[in-house]
Amino acid sequence: MFGFYNLFPVTLTTASENNNDWQILLNITEPNGASDFLIFGEKVEASDGKDQFDLPKPPAPQPPYIYSWFTTSLDSPYNILWKDYRPYSEYNKIWNLTIIWSSDTSEKTNITISWDMSEFENSGYGSIILIASKNVDMIKIKNYQFLANSNVPYIFQISIKDGIFNEKSNTNDQTLLIVLIFIIIVLIILIIIVYIKKFKK
């Protein structure tokens, strides 16, 4: 049946039904050349426990180095992950991230965590937050920098909350509401015009 919805097609999405597998590469660097990287994301076949997609982190190299990992509640060696994938769900997700810079010098250094924002396109989320001294929306900002002391662990979290799930869906809901209000107003005006014409006759 043809109706107003056909005139104004609106696609509503949810975080779990419209997404593809996605992953984000975190590059962690400092000016003197030490670097590391981590990968996190979601896969349809992943689980909250140990699965074939999770990859334990190898031991740290000799200094100077940057050593980073995702901390989990899994048994060793899966309690320290290089790659950490989660399943799709409507629940909050948190990746616990730790970074250590090790050097013989007593000076501090600037550590930069960077990522490619375009890699979030398949996630379907409106916001993914790096929780630090200054929270960063990773979908809108491409890096975060902090000053680090040698051999001091710095702990961060990457958070997806259902309160910020799919702003795309919220936008579509608002669009649908505006369209419906517009249609109702037009119908009311048409009815008034018809009654006025009948009254004049």
C-alpha atoms as a PDB file:
ATOM      1  CA  MET A   1       0.000   0.000   0.000  1.00  0.00           C
ATOM      2  CA  PHE A   2       1.308   3.428  -0.978  1.00  0.00           C
ATOM      3  CA  GLY A   3       1.362   6.048   1.763  1.00  0.00           C
ATOM      4  CA  PHE A   4       3.165   8.985   3.227  1.00  0.00           C
ATOM      5  CA  TYR A   5       6.099   6.765   4.275  1.00  0.00           C
ATOM      6  CA  ASN A   6       6.731   6.053   0.611  1.00  0.00           C
ATOM      7  CA  LEU A   7       6.951   9.764  -0.070  1.00  0.00           C
ATOM      8  CA  PHE A   8       9.439  10.315   2.755  1.00  0.00           C
ATOM      9  CA  PRO A   9      11.562   7.153   3.123  1.00  0.00           C
ATOM     10  CA  VAL A  10      13.447   7.081   6.429  1.00  0.00           C
ATOM     11  CA  THR A  11      15.849   4.321   7.437  1.00  0.00           C
ATOM     12  CA  LEU A  12      16.126   3.646  11.170  1.00  0.00           C
ATOM     13  CA  THR A  13      19.274   1.882  12.367  1.00  0.00           C
ATOM     14  CA  THR A  14      20.387   0.273  15.579  1.00  0.00           C
ATOM     15  CA  ALA A  15      23.913  -0.339  16.756  1.00  0.00           C
ATOM     16  CA  SER A  16      23.709  -4.107  16.504  1.00  0.00           C
ATOM     17  CA  GLU A  17      21.731  -4.732  13.318  1.00  0.00           C
ATOM     18  CA  ASN A  18      23.325  -2.421  10.760  1.00  0.00           C
ATOM     19  CA  ASN A  19      27.042  -2.706  11.426  1.00  0.00           C
ATOM     20  CA  ASN A  20      29.857  -4.534   9.705  1.00  0.00           C
ATOM     21  CA  ASP A  21      32.944  -5.882  11.436  1.00  0.00           C
ATOM     22  CA  TRP A  22      35.200  -2.965  12.268  1.00  0.00           C
ATOM     23  CA  GLN A  23      38.599  -2.419  13.833  1.00  0.00           C
ATOM     24  CA  ILE A  24      40.749   0.533  14.831  1.00  0.00           C
ATOM     25  CA  LEU A  25      44.540   0.661  14.741  1.00  0.00           C
ATOM     26  CA  LEU A  26      46.008   2.730  17.576  1.00  0.00           C
ATOM     27  CA  ASN A  27      49.483   4.074  16.823  1.00  0.00           C
ATOM     28  CA  ILE A  28      51.429   5.052  19.946  1.00  0.00           C
ATOM     29  CA  THR A  29      54.565   7.113  19.343  1.00  0.00           C
ATOM     30  CA  GLU A  30      57.042   9.523  20.937  1.00  0.00           C
ATOM     31  CA  PRO A  31      59.490  12.029  19.382  1.00  0.00           C
ATOM     32  CA  ASN A  32      62.642   9.911  19.865  1.00  0.00           C
ATOM     33  CA  GLY A  33      61.316   7.093  17.698  1.00  0.00           C
ATOM     34  CA  ALA A  34      59.890   4.558  20.173  1.00  0.00           C
ATOM     35  CA  SER A  35      56.509   3.239  19.045  1.00  0.00           C
ATOM     36  CA  ASP A  36      53.900   0.551  19.511  1.00  0.00           C
ATOM     37  CA  PHE A  37      50.423  -0.245  18.218  1.00  0.00           C
ATOM     38  CA  LEU A  38      47.204  -1.926  19.333  1.00  0.00           C
ATOM     39  CA  ILE A  39      44.008  -3.013  17.583  1.00  0.00           C
ATOM     40  CA  PHE A  40      40.477  -3.081  18.968  1.00  0.00           C
ATOM     41  CA  GLY A  41      37.028  -3.442  17.434  1.00  0.00           C
ATOM     42  CA  GLU A  42      33.946  -5.621  17.044  1.00  0.00           C
ATOM     43  CA  LYS A  43      33.258  -8.793  15.118  1.00  0.00           C
ATOM     44  CA  VAL A  44      30.021 -10.703  14.729  1.00  0.00           C
ATOM     45  CA  GLU A  45      31.729 -13.952  15.736  1.00  0.00           C
ATOM     46  CA  ALA A  46      33.718 -12.505  18.663  1.00  0.00           C
ATOM     47  CA  SER A  47      32.853 -13.123  22.323  1.00  0.00           C
ATOM     48  CA  ASP A  48      33.338 -11.322  25.621  1.00  0.00           C
ATOM     49  CA  GLY A  49      35.656 -14.172  26.649  1.00  0.00           C
ATOM     50  CA  LYS A  50      38.645 -15.673  24.902  1.00  0.00           C
ATOM     51  CA  ASP A  51      38.139 -16.149  21.174  1.00  0.00           C
ATOM     52  CA  GLN A  52      40.166 -16.736  18.009  1.00  0.00           C
ATOM     53  CA  PHE A  53      40.371 -13.012  17.256  1.00  0.00           C
ATOM     54  CA  ASP A  54      42.093 -11.938  20.489  1.00  0.00           C
ATOM     55  CA  LEU A  55      45.889 -11.844  20.354  1.00  0.00           C
ATOM     56  CA  PRO A  56      48.088 -11.811  23.494  1.00  0.00           C
ATOM     57  CA  LYS A  57      50.812  -9.184  23.738  1.00  0.00           C
ATOM     58  CA  PRO A  58      54.438 -10.400  23.448  1.00  0.00           C
ATOM     59  CA  PRO A  59      56.884  -9.416  26.231  1.00  0.00           C
ATOM     60  CA  ALA A  60      58.362  -5.917  26.231  1.00  0.00           C
ATOM     61  CA  PRO A  61      61.624  -5.352  24.302  1.00  0.00           C
ATOM     62  CA  GLN A  62      64.790  -3.804  25.683  1.00  0.00           C
ATOM     63  CA  PRO A  63      64.627  -0.058  26.539  1.00  0.00           C
ATOM     64  CA  PRO A  64      63.990   2.428  25.158  1.00  0.00           C
ATOM     65  CA  TYR A  65      60.472   1.351  24.172  1.00  0.00           C
ATOM     66  CA  ILE A  66      56.764   2.014  24.352  1.00  0.00           C
ATOM     67  CA  TYR A  67      54.807  -0.974  25.574  1.00  0.00           C
ATOM     68  CA  SER A  68      51.009  -0.926  25.420  1.00  0.00           C
ATOM     69  CA  TRP A  69      48.238  -3.458  25.935  1.00  0.00           C
ATOM     70  CA  PHE A  70      44.559  -4.030  26.686  1.00  0.00           C
ATOM     71  CA  THR A  71      43.975  -5.446  30.167  1.00  0.00           C
ATOM     72  CA  THR A  72      41.256  -8.116  30.513  1.00  0.00           C
ATOM     73  CA  SER A  73      39.943 -10.459  33.198  1.00  0.00           C
ATOM     74  CA  LEU A  74      40.920 -13.526  31.151  1.00  0.00           C
ATOM     75  CA  ASP A  75      43.542 -16.064  32.186  1.00  0.00           C
ATOM     76  CA  SER A  76      47.174 -15.471  31.189  1.00  0.00           C
ATOM     77  CA  PRO A  77      48.358 -14.822  28.520  1.00  0.00           C
ATOM     78  CA  TYR A  78      44.984 -13.436  27.388  1.00  0.00           C
ATOM     79  CA  ASN A  79      44.879 -10.974  30.290  1.00  0.00           C
ATOM     80  CA  ILE A  80      47.227  -8.723  28.286  1.00  0.00           C
ATOM     81  CA  LEU A  81      46.067  -8.325  24.684  1.00  0.00           C
ATOM     82  CA  TRP A  82      47.573  -6.847  21.550  1.00  0.00           C
ATOM     83  CA  LYS A  83      44.267  -7.226  19.677  1.00  0.00           C
ATOM     84  CA  ASP A  84      40.954  -7.152  21.533  1.00  0.00           C
ATOM     85  CA  TYR A  85      37.666  -7.754  19.695  1.00  0.00           C
ATOM     86  CA  ARG A  86      34.195  -7.660  21.235  1.00  0.00           C
ATOM     87  CA  PRO A  87      30.815  -8.959  20.032  1.00  0.00           C
ATOM     88  CA  TYR A  88      28.009  -6.634  18.998  1.00  0.00           C
ATOM     89  CA  SER A  89      25.574  -5.860  21.810  1.00  0.00           C
ATOM     90  CA  GLU A  90      23.418  -3.064  23.199  1.00  0.00           C
ATOM     91  CA  TYR A  91      25.492  -2.970  26.387  1.00  0.00           C
ATOM     92  CA  ASN A  92      28.266  -0.623  27.422  1.00  0.00           C
ATOM     93  CA  LYS A  93      31.735  -1.653  26.312  1.00  0.00           C
ATOM     94  CA  ILE A  94      35.059  -0.632  27.818  1.00  0.00           C
ATOM     95  CA  TRP A  95      38.572  -1.411  26.644  1.00  0.00           C
ATOM     96  CA  ASN A  96      41.157  -0.921  29.405  1.00  0.00           C
ATOM     97  CA  LEU A  97      44.318   0.489  27.854  1.00  0.00           C
ATOM     98  CA  THR A  98      47.739   0.734  29.544  1.00  0.00           C
ATOM     99  CA  ILE A  99      50.834   2.441  28.111  1.00  0.00           C
ATOM    100  CA  ILE A 100      54.384   2.420  29.512  1.00  0.00           C
ATOM    101  CA  TRP A 101      57.329   4.333  28.099  1.00  0.00           C
ATOM    102  CA  SER A 102      60.705   3.019  29.258  1.00  0.00           C
ATOM    103  CA  SER A 103      63.953   4.930  28.845  1.00  0.00           C
ATOM    104  CA  ASP A 104      67.289   5.410  30.593  1.00  0.00           C
ATOM    105  CA  THR A 105      66.742   9.156  30.672  1.00  0.00           C
ATOM    106  CA  SER A 106      65.063  10.948  33.561  1.00  0.00           C
ATOM    107  CA  GLU A 107      63.431  13.427  31.194  1.00  0.00           C
ATOM    108  CA  LYS A 108      59.752  13.254  30.272  1.00  0.00           C
ATOM    109  CA  THR A 109      58.469  12.714  26.767  1.00  0.00           C
ATOM    110  CA  ASN A 110      55.268  13.407  24.836  1.00  0.00           C
ATOM    111  CA  ILE A 111      53.341  10.261  23.970  1.00  0.00           C
ATOM    112  CA  THR A 112      50.858  10.508  21.100  1.00  0.00           C
ATOM    113  CA  ILE A 113      47.986   8.059  20.605  1.00  0.00           C
ATOM    114  CA  SER A 114      46.632   8.446  17.065  1.00  0.00           C
ATOM    115  CA  TRP A 115      44.094   6.695  14.838  1.00  0.00           C
ATOM    116  CA  ASP A 116      42.412   6.990  11.456  1.00  0.00           C
ATOM    117  CA  MET A 117      38.923   8.421  12.082  1.00  0.00           C
ATOM    118  CA  SER A 118      37.615   6.949   8.813  1.00  0.00           C
ATOM    119  CA  GLU A 119      38.049   3.458  10.300  1.00  0.00           C
ATOM    120  CA  PHE A 120      35.068   4.179  12.577  1.00  0.00           C
ATOM    121  CA  GLU A 121      32.666   4.489   9.631  1.00  0.00           C
ATOM    122  CA  ASN A 122      31.591   0.839   9.749  1.00  0.00           C
ATOM    123  CA  SER A 123      31.057   0.902  13.519  1.00  0.00           C
ATOM    124  CA  GLY A 124      27.681   2.650  13.356  1.00  0.00           C
ATOM    125  CA  TYR A 125      28.388   4.514  16.595  1.00  0.00           C
ATOM    126  CA  GLY A 126      27.922   8.231  17.005  1.00  0.00           C
ATOM    127  CA  SER A 127      30.611   8.555  19.652  1.00  0.00           C
ATOM    128  CA  ILE A 128      33.496   6.493  21.044  1.00  0.00           C
ATOM    129  CA  ILE A 129      35.287   8.077  23.977  1.00  0.00           C
ATOM    130  CA  LEU A 130      38.941   7.822  24.983  1.00  0.00           C
ATOM    131  CA  ILE A 131      38.757   8.477  28.725  1.00  0.00           C
ATOM    132  CA  ALA A 132      41.869  10.361  29.804  1.00  0.00           C
ATOM    133  CA  SER A 133      42.711  13.570  31.688  1.00  0.00           C
ATOM    134  CA  LYS A 134      40.761  15.192  28.863  1.00  0.00           C
ATOM    135  CA  ASN A 135      38.127  12.951  27.326  1.00  0.00           C
ATOM    136  CA  VAL A 136      38.378  12.625  23.552  1.00  0.00           C
ATOM    137  CA  ASP A 137      35.638  11.664  21.110  1.00  0.00           C
ATOM    138  CA  MET A 138      37.677   9.436  18.814  1.00  0.00           C
ATOM    139  CA  ILE A 139      35.193   9.768  15.954  1.00  0.00           C
ATOM    140  CA  LYS A 140      35.731  13.543  15.868  1.00  0.00           C
ATOM    141  CA  ILE A 141      39.362  13.948  17.004  1.00  0.00           C
ATOM    142  CA  LYS A 142      42.269  11.990  15.507  1.00  0.00           C
ATOM    143  CA  ASN A 143      44.782  11.866  18.381  1.00  0.00           C
ATOM    144  CA  TYR A 144      45.534  12.417  22.054  1.00  0.00           C
ATOM    145  CA  GLN A 145      48.851  13.466  23.551  1.00  0.00           C
ATOM    146  CA  PHE A 146      50.132  13.269  27.124  1.00  0.00           C
ATOM    147  CA  LEU A 147      53.392  13.894  28.973  1.00  0.00           C
ATOM    148  CA  ALA A 148      54.943  10.669  30.284  1.00  0.00           C
ATOM    149  CA  ASN A 149      57.557   9.770  32.869  1.00  0.00           C
ATOM    150  CA  SER A 150      59.773   6.758  32.196  1.00  0.00           C
ATOM    151  CA  ASN A 151      58.574   3.386  33.559  1.00  0.00           C
ATOM    152  CA  VAL A 152      55.268   4.809  34.818  1.00  0.00           C
ATOM    153  CA  PRO A 153      52.092   3.008  33.622  1.00  0.00           C
ATOM    154  CA  TYR A 154      49.418   5.318  32.222  1.00  0.00           C
ATOM    155  CA  ILE A 155      45.916   3.893  32.237  1.00  0.00           C
ATOM    156  CA  PHE A 156      43.093   4.892  29.890  1.00  0.00           C
ATOM    157  CA  GLN A 157      39.710   3.545  28.864  1.00  0.00           C
ATOM    158  CA  ILE A 158      37.951   3.438  25.516  1.00  0.00           C
ATOM    159  CA  SER A 159      34.227   3.557  26.149  1.00  0.00           C
ATOM    160  CA  ILE A 160      31.084   2.924  24.121  1.00  0.00           C
ATOM    161  CA  LYS A 161      27.955   3.685  26.144  1.00  0.00           C
ATOM    162  CA  ASP A 162      24.412   2.923  25.055  1.00  0.00           C
ATOM    163  CA  GLY A 163      23.563   6.521  25.971  1.00  0.00           C
ATOM    164  CA  ILE A 164      25.654   7.604  22.978  1.00  0.00           C
ATOM    165  CA  PHE A 165      24.787   4.605  20.796  1.00  0.00           C
ATOM    166  CA  ASN A 166      23.998   5.433  17.212  1.00  0.00           C
ATOM    167  CA  GLU A 167      23.439   9.116  16.958  1.00  0.00           C
ATOM    168  CA  LYS A 168      22.577   8.179  13.372  1.00  0.00           C
ATOM    169  CA  SER A 169      19.488   6.458  14.714  1.00  0.00           C
ATOM    170  CA  ASN A 170      18.594   9.463  16.869  1.00  0.00           C
ATOM    171  CA  THR A 171      19.004  11.752  13.866  1.00  0.00           C
ATOM    172  CA  ASN A 172      16.729   9.545  11.788  1.00  0.00           C
ATOM    173  CA  ASP A 173      14.128   9.500  14.565  1.00  0.00           C
ATOM    174  CA  GLN A 174      14.176  13.296  14.668  1.00  0.00           C
ATOM    175  CA  THR A 175      13.864  13.459  10.888  1.00  0.00           C
ATOM    176  CA  LEU A 176      10.858  11.135  10.965  1.00  0.00           C
ATOM    177  CA  LEU A 177       9.211  13.227  13.694  1.00  0.00           C
ATOM    178  CA  ILE A 178       9.708  16.446  11.707  1.00  0.00           C
ATOM    179  CA  VAL A 179       8.264  14.827   8.570  1.00  0.00           C
ATOM    180  CA  LEU A 180       5.212  13.559  10.460  1.00  0.00           C
ATOM    181  CA  ILE A 181       4.592  16.967  12.043  1.00  0.00           C
ATOM    182  CA  PHE A 182       4.864  18.595   8.613  1.00  0.00           C
ATOM    183  CA  ILE A 183       2.364  16.110   7.149  1.00  0.00           C
ATOM    184  CA  ILE A 184      -0.090  16.687  10.004  1.00  0.00           C
ATOM    185  CA  ILE A 185       0.139  20.471   9.587  1.00  0.00           C
ATOM    186  CA  VAL A 186      -0.461  20.174   5.818  1.00  0.00           C
ATOM    187  CA  LEU A 187      -3.487  17.926   6.413  1.00  0.00           C
ATOM    188  CA  ILE A 188      -4.932  20.333   8.966  1.00  0.00           C
ATOM    189  CA  ILE A 189      -4.507  23.256   6.550  1.00  0.00           C
ATOM    190  CA  LEU A 190      -6.192  21.279   3.751  1.00  0.00           C
ATOM    191  CA  ILE A 191      -9.119  20.358   6.002  1.00  0.00           C
ATOM    192  CA  ILE A 192      -9.541  23.986   7.048  1.00  0.00           C
ATOM    193  CA  ILE A 193      -9.485  25.126   3.417  1.00  0.00           C
ATOM    194  CA  VAL A 194     -12.127  22.519   2.470  1.00  0.00           C
ATOM    195  CA  TYR A 195     -14.419  23.572   5.342  1.00  0.00           C
ATOM    196  CA  ILE A 196     -14.004  27.255   4.504  1.00  0.00           C
ATOM    197  CA  LYS A 197     -14.973  26.603   0.874  1.00  0.00           C
ATOM    198  CA  LYS A 198     -18.025  24.583   1.951  1.00  0.00           C
ATOM    199  CA  PHE A 199     -19.048  27.296   4.406  1.00  0.00           C
ATOM    200  CA  LYS A 200     -18.830  29.990   1.719  1.00  0.00           C
ATOM    201  CA  LYS A 201     -21.121  27.958  -0.567  1.00  0.00           C
END
